[in-house]
Protein backbone atom coordinates (compact mmCIF):
# COMPACT_ATOMS: atom_id res chain seq x y z
CA MET A 1 -50.30 -50.73 59.31
CA LEU A 2 -46.74 -52.05 58.46
CA PRO A 3 -46.54 -55.59 57.24
CA LEU A 4 -43.75 -57.18 58.93
CA HIS A 5 -43.34 -60.45 57.23
CA ILE A 6 -41.12 -58.57 54.33
CA GLY A 7 -39.58 -56.27 56.85
CA SER A 8 -39.45 -52.25 56.85
CA ASP A 9 -39.30 -50.74 53.46
CA HIS A 10 -36.39 -48.46 52.54
CA PRO A 11 -37.13 -44.80 51.80
CA LEU A 12 -35.65 -45.12 48.67
CA GLY A 13 -37.30 -48.60 47.60
CA MET A 14 -40.51 -46.86 48.76
CA ALA A 15 -40.17 -43.91 46.31
CA VAL A 16 -39.38 -46.32 43.36
CA LEU A 17 -42.20 -48.30 44.29
CA ILE A 18 -44.51 -45.20 44.26
CA LEU A 19 -42.99 -44.03 41.12
CA LEU A 20 -43.55 -47.26 39.30
CA ALA A 21 -47.34 -47.48 40.62
CA PHE A 22 -48.27 -44.08 39.89
CA GLY A 23 -45.68 -42.76 36.79
CA PRO A 24 -47.52 -44.67 33.86
CA PHE A 25 -50.74 -42.88 35.04
CA LEU A 26 -48.96 -39.18 35.35
CA LEU A 27 -47.39 -39.99 31.85
CA ALA A 28 -50.58 -40.48 30.03
CA GLY A 29 -52.26 -37.72 31.55
CA ALA A 30 -49.65 -35.49 30.48
CA VAL A 31 -49.76 -36.72 26.94
CA VAL A 32 -53.51 -36.46 26.59
CA PHE A 33 -52.91 -33.00 27.99
CA VAL A 34 -50.33 -31.97 25.32
CA VAL A 35 -52.16 -33.54 22.44
CA ARG A 36 -55.47 -31.82 23.33
CA ARG A 37 -53.66 -28.56 23.61
CA ARG A 38 -52.05 -28.87 20.22
CA ASP A 39 -55.18 -30.17 18.41
CA THR A 40 -57.18 -27.08 20.14
CA ALA A 41 -54.66 -24.51 19.20
CA ALA A 42 -54.64 -26.34 15.41
CA GLU A 43 -58.38 -25.88 15.13
CA GLN A 44 -58.20 -22.02 16.20
CA GLN A 45 -55.61 -21.58 13.44
CA GLU A 46 -57.98 -23.24 11.28
CA LEU A 47 -60.81 -20.97 12.24
CA ASN A 48 -58.53 -17.88 12.05
CA ALA A 49 -57.38 -18.77 8.66
CA SER A 50 -60.75 -19.30 7.45
CA GLY A 51 -61.99 -15.31 7.77
CA ASP A 52 -64.53 -14.54 10.50
CA GLY A 53 -64.62 -18.04 12.15
CA ARG A 54 -67.58 -19.51 10.73
CA GLY A 55 -65.97 -20.67 7.66
CA ALA A 56 -66.44 -20.48 3.93
CA ARG A 57 -70.21 -20.88 3.18
């Protein structure tokens, strides 16, 4: 249903609205993905540096 009390929206305006509505969530998801991947790589590097992966005991 098209709300006619404000008129039809321009396609560029609709794209900007969608970007503003969902952009922050997409950016936050990307940041979480990159940080988790970096942490996992650092953890793997620590395990590999400690020898056989079980650590020094």
